[in-house]
Protein backbone atom coordinates (compact mmCIF):
# COMPACT_ATOMS: atom_id res chain seq x y z
CA MET A 1 -19.55 65.97 -28.19
CA ASN A 2 -18.60 63.59 -25.38
CA HIS A 3 -21.09 62.22 -22.88
CA LEU A 4 -20.93 61.49 -19.17
CA TYR A 5 -23.45 59.11 -17.64
CA LEU A 6 -23.95 59.72 -13.92
CA PRO A 7 -25.93 57.11 -11.93
CA PRO A 8 -28.00 58.25 -8.94
CA ALA A 9 -25.40 56.98 -6.45
CA CYS A 10 -22.97 59.66 -7.71
CA LEU A 11 -25.23 62.31 -6.14
CA HIS A 12 -23.86 61.39 -2.72
CA ALA A 13 -20.15 61.21 -3.54
CA GLY A 14 -17.40 63.71 -4.28
CA ASP A 15 -15.39 66.50 -2.68
CA LEU A 16 -18.25 69.03 -2.89
CA ILE A 17 -21.08 67.13 -1.23
CA LEU A 18 -22.97 69.18 1.32
CA VAL A 19 -23.61 67.28 4.56
CA SER A 20 -25.80 68.99 7.15
CA ALA A 21 -28.92 68.55 9.24
CA GLN A 22 -30.94 69.21 6.06
CA ALA A 23 -28.80 66.88 3.93
CA PRO A 24 -27.69 63.77 5.89
CA TYR A 25 -24.78 61.72 4.62
CA GLN A 26 -26.04 58.90 2.42
CA GLU A 27 -22.91 56.86 1.69
CA LYS A 28 -22.66 53.76 3.88
CA ARG A 29 -19.25 52.53 2.71
CA THR A 30 -16.12 53.59 4.56
CA PRO A 31 -14.03 55.89 2.34
CA GLN A 32 -10.47 55.05 1.41
CA LEU A 33 -8.55 56.47 4.35
CA LEU A 34 -4.98 57.55 5.04
CA GLY A 35 -3.46 58.60 8.34
CA VAL A 36 -2.13 62.01 9.28
CA PRO A 37 0.27 62.37 12.24
CA GLY A 38 -1.74 62.18 15.45
CA PRO A 39 -0.74 62.36 19.11
CA THR A 40 -1.05 58.61 19.74
CA SER A 41 -2.62 56.75 16.83
CA PRO A 42 -3.06 58.27 13.36
CA VAL A 43 -6.07 60.44 12.71
CA ARG A 44 -7.44 59.37 9.33
CA LEU A 45 -8.89 61.29 6.38
CA GLU A 46 -10.11 60.42 2.92
CA ALA A 47 -6.95 59.68 0.94
CA GLN A 48 -6.88 62.76 -1.29
CA ALA A 49 -7.69 65.07 1.62
CA ALA A 50 -4.98 63.45 3.76
CA GLY A 51 -2.40 63.94 1.02
CA ALA A 52 -3.32 67.62 0.62
CA LEU A 53 -3.19 68.24 4.38
CA ASN A 54 0.20 66.59 4.72
CA ARG A 55 1.57 68.71 1.84
CA LEU A 56 0.29 71.84 3.56
CA MET A 57 1.86 70.87 6.87
CA ASP A 58 5.12 69.81 5.24
CA ALA A 59 5.38 73.23 3.60
CA LEU A 60 5.12 74.90 7.03
CA ARG A 61 6.62 72.18 9.21
CA GLY A 62 3.25 72.57 10.85
CA TRP A 63 3.03 69.24 12.64
CA LYS A 64 5.65 70.47 15.11
CA ALA A 65 3.12 72.91 16.58
CA ILE A 66 -0.26 71.60 15.41
CA THR A 67 -2.00 68.32 16.08
CA PRO A 68 -4.91 66.72 14.21
CA VAL A 69 -7.66 66.32 16.78
CA SER A 70 -10.36 64.52 14.82
CA GLY A 71 -10.74 63.34 11.24
CA TRP A 72 -12.95 60.55 9.92
CA ARG A 73 -15.51 59.23 12.38
CA SER A 74 -17.75 56.25 11.93
CA HIS A 75 -21.48 56.79 12.41
CA GLN A 76 -21.22 55.06 15.78
CA GLU A 77 -18.34 57.31 16.86
CA GLN A 78 -20.41 60.36 15.94
CA GLN A 79 -23.32 58.95 17.93
CA ASP A 80 -21.05 58.37 20.94
CA LEU A 81 -19.67 61.91 20.71
CA TRP A 82 -23.19 63.37 20.49
CA ASP A 83 -24.39 61.35 23.49
CA GLN A 84 -21.31 62.19 25.56
CA SER A 85 -21.57 65.91 24.81
CA LEU A 86 -25.26 65.97 25.69
CA ALA A 87 -24.46 64.38 29.03
CA GLU A 88 -21.45 66.59 29.82
CA ASN A 89 -22.22 69.90 28.08
CA GLY A 90 -25.99 70.04 27.67
CA ASP A 91 -28.32 70.46 24.72
CA ALA A 92 -27.52 74.05 23.67
CA PHE A 93 -23.74 73.54 23.50
CA THR A 94 -24.07 70.20 21.74
CA ARG A 95 -26.42 71.48 19.05
CA THR A 96 -24.06 74.42 18.43
CA PHE A 97 -20.80 72.48 18.10
CA VAL A 98 -21.64 68.82 17.44
CA ALA A 99 -23.51 67.63 14.35
CA LYS A 100 -26.20 65.02 14.80
CA PRO A 101 -25.17 61.47 13.89
CA GLY A 102 -25.57 61.04 10.16
CA CYS A 103 -25.26 64.79 9.59
CA SER A 104 -21.56 65.26 10.33
CA GLU A 105 -18.91 66.05 7.73
CA HIS A 106 -16.54 63.91 9.76
CA GLU A 107 -18.39 60.81 8.55
CA THR A 108 -17.29 61.64 4.98
CA GLY A 109 -13.58 61.65 5.82
CA LEU A 110 -13.29 65.13 4.24
CA ALA A 111 -13.25 67.15 7.49
CA ILE A 112 -10.46 67.71 9.98
CA ASP A 113 -10.33 69.45 13.35
CA LEU A 114 -6.90 70.93 14.11
CA GLY A 115 -5.53 72.15 17.42
CA LEU A 116 -2.48 73.96 18.74
CA ARG A 117 -0.34 71.45 20.59
CA GLY A 118 -0.61 71.73 24.36
CA ASP A 119 -1.90 70.07 27.48
CA ASP A 120 -5.60 69.24 27.87
CA LEU A 121 -6.62 69.86 24.26
CA ASP A 122 -10.41 70.04 24.10
CA PRO A 123 -11.67 67.23 21.81
CA ILE A 124 -14.73 69.24 20.69
CA CYS A 125 -13.48 72.86 20.69
CA PRO A 126 -9.67 72.66 20.39
CA ALA A 127 -7.61 75.83 20.65
CA PHE A 128 -6.71 77.17 17.20
CA PRO A 129 -6.01 80.90 17.63
CA GLN A 130 -6.04 83.58 14.96
CA GLU A 131 -2.32 84.22 15.22
CA GLY A 132 1.02 82.54 14.68
CA ILE A 133 1.24 79.18 12.96
CA CYS A 134 -2.52 78.59 13.27
CA GLN A 135 -3.32 81.75 11.33
CA THR A 136 -0.70 80.82 8.73
CA VAL A 137 -2.39 77.45 8.25
CA ARG A 138 -5.75 79.18 7.99
CA ALA A 139 -4.45 81.59 5.35
CA LEU A 140 -2.80 78.89 3.20
CA ALA A 141 -5.46 76.19 3.58
CA PRO A 142 -7.49 77.27 0.50
CA THR A 143 -4.42 76.86 -1.74
CA TYR A 144 -4.39 73.19 -0.75
CA GLY A 145 -8.14 72.73 -1.17
CA PHE A 146 -9.33 73.27 2.43
CA LEU A 147 -12.16 75.60 3.43
CA LEU A 148 -12.76 77.07 6.89
CA ARG A 149 -16.15 75.41 6.97
CA TYR A 150 -17.99 77.18 9.80
CA PRO A 151 -16.93 80.86 9.82
CA ALA A 152 -18.10 83.53 12.23
CA GLY A 153 -21.22 85.37 11.14
CA LYS A 154 -22.55 82.47 9.04
CA GLU A 155 -24.13 80.44 11.82
CA ALA A 156 -27.64 81.00 10.44
CA VAL A 157 -26.46 79.60 7.08
CA THR A 158 -24.51 76.57 8.27
CA GLY A 159 -26.51 75.72 11.38
CA ILE A 160 -23.22 75.26 13.28
CA GLY A 161 -21.41 77.69 15.60
CA TYR A 162 -18.14 79.37 14.66
CA GLU A 163 -15.44 76.68 14.55
CA PRO A 164 -12.01 78.17 13.78
CA TRP A 165 -10.49 74.66 14.06
CA HIS A 166 -12.72 72.84 11.54
CA PHE A 167 -11.52 72.57 7.94
CA ARG A 168 -13.24 70.81 5.07
CA TYR A 169 -11.53 69.51 1.96
CA VAL A 170 -13.41 70.66 -1.15
CA GLY A 171 -10.42 70.72 -3.48
CA PRO A 172 -8.90 73.43 -5.63
CA PRO A 173 -10.00 75.76 -7.10
CA HIS A 174 -13.22 75.63 -5.06
CA ALA A 175 -11.71 76.40 -1.64
CA ALA A 176 -9.88 79.46 -2.97
CA LEU A 177 -12.95 80.71 -4.83
CA MET A 178 -15.24 80.32 -1.81
CA THR A 179 -12.73 81.99 0.49
CA GLU A 180 -12.18 84.88 -1.91
CA ARG A 181 -15.91 85.56 -2.12
CA GLY A 182 -16.69 84.89 1.54
CA TRP A 183 -19.03 82.00 0.75
CA THR A 184 -19.85 78.94 2.80
CA LEU A 185 -20.39 75.65 0.99
CA GLU A 186 -24.14 76.25 1.22
CA GLU A 187 -23.76 79.64 -0.46
CA TYR A 188 -21.46 78.21 -3.12
CA HIS A 189 -24.05 75.63 -4.11
CA GLN A 190 -26.70 78.34 -4.23
CA ALA A 191 -24.54 80.61 -6.39
CA LEU A 192 -23.93 77.81 -8.88
CA ARG A 193 -27.65 77.25 -9.24
CA ALA A 194 -27.88 80.86 -10.47
CA GLY A 195 -25.32 80.27 -13.20
CA PRO A 196 -21.79 79.03 -13.99
CA LEU A 197 -18.68 80.55 -12.44
CA ARG A 198 -15.42 81.12 -14.25
CA THR A 199 -12.00 81.27 -12.64
CA THR A 200 -8.32 80.61 -13.34
CA TRP A 201 -6.43 78.14 -11.22
CA GLU A 202 -2.69 77.60 -11.66
CA GLY A 203 -2.91 79.22 -15.06
CA VAL A 204 -5.75 77.02 -16.31
CA GLU A 205 -9.11 78.58 -17.18
CA THR A 206 -11.86 76.72 -15.33
CA TRP A 207 -15.66 76.73 -15.55
CA ILE A 208 -17.76 75.51 -12.62
CA SER A 209 -21.44 74.75 -13.13
CA PHE A 210 -24.46 72.99 -11.65
CA GLN A 211 -26.17 70.11 -13.43
CA PRO A 212 -29.58 69.06 -12.05
CA ALA A 213 -29.95 65.33 -11.57
CA ASN A 214 -32.42 63.34 -13.62
CA SER A 215 -34.99 62.24 -11.08
CA GLY A 216 -35.81 59.26 -13.26
CA GLY A 217 -32.36 57.65 -13.15
CA VAL A 218 -29.06 58.25 -14.91
CA THR A 219 -28.11 61.88 -15.59
CA LEU A 220 -26.62 62.61 -19.01
CA VAL A 221 -23.99 65.37 -19.26
CA GLU A 222 -22.92 66.53 -22.71
CA LEU A 223 -19.31 67.66 -22.71
CA PRO A 224 -17.92 69.67 -25.66
CA GLN A 225 -15.09 68.07 -27.60
CA GLY A 226 -11.67 68.89 -26.18
CA MET A 227 -12.92 69.49 -22.63
CA VAL A 228 -12.26 67.46 -19.48
CA CYS A 229 -14.55 67.47 -16.48
CA ALA A 230 -14.39 66.54 -12.80
CA VAL A 231 -17.75 65.72 -11.20
CA SER A 232 -18.99 65.84 -7.63
CA GLY A 233 -22.48 65.21 -6.35
CA ASN A 234 -24.06 67.84 -4.11
CA ASN A 235 -25.71 65.15 -1.90
CA THR A 236 -29.26 66.26 -2.75
CA ASP A 237 -30.37 66.94 -6.30
CA GLY A 238 -27.52 67.59 -8.69
CA PHE A 239 -23.87 67.66 -9.64
CA ILE A 240 -21.06 70.21 -9.65
CA LEU A 241 -19.07 70.11 -12.89
CA THR A 242 -15.53 71.50 -13.00
CA THR A 243 -14.53 71.81 -16.65
CA ARG A 244 -11.22 72.71 -18.33
CA ARG A 245 -9.76 72.54 -21.80
CA ALA A 246 -7.85 69.28 -22.15
CA GLU A 247 -5.05 71.09 -24.00
CA ASP A 248 -4.62 73.55 -21.11
CA VAL A 249 -4.45 70.71 -18.60
CA ARG A 250 -1.83 68.87 -20.68
CA GLU A 251 0.24 72.05 -20.95
CA LYS A 252 0.07 72.56 -17.18
CA LEU A 253 1.29 68.99 -16.64
CA ARG A 254 4.16 69.56 -19.06
CA ARG A 255 5.23 72.68 -17.14
CA SER A 256 5.02 71.05 -13.70
């Protein structure tokens, strides 16, 4: 049996953290950022998310028609956007489409707003129609680890209006699994509390489970021999464990 020791700070880090009005972002350090092609200066994302987005766009030659509108924002930038929207658009619009400072996924570097290239692209609600190249991006995004974060019909769950332009990097196989089952990130976390999920991703059997955090300090995770595990905090009270057989992972690497 192998052991993982997870300090409390790990609760607030990882691809699967839930950031919302009920779960503000706790990390104060700026993530490692990489640029993606922007209209003037590069829009930046957390490095792994940026790499995945660029691979998706390279596969489609998507940057010819699509522009990244907004990626990582500092806390102050989110505050400025909130204040500006309140002044220009009013309270109801702002609370529907702009997260409060400290409660925005953009502060994690894991969220990206995309828009169809054109004149006068709205910085808050960019055009990203359900047809053409935009719909192709939307359909393929889960394969590259991106989730349509605020879907129509789930406003009461997410607390945010329908945003067809807002994608959140959660990594594979989570994005594909959530999309397949019609779950938001909130619903995914809730489902994992009820019990582990099992899926196959790129030929590798994968188990996904929830581990409650030890409120007294370090959380101990016992990992069976021969298994490898990726860990993400949920930003509140536990961890999401993504576990595979080490032999299966090595075989996949040999085939790739």
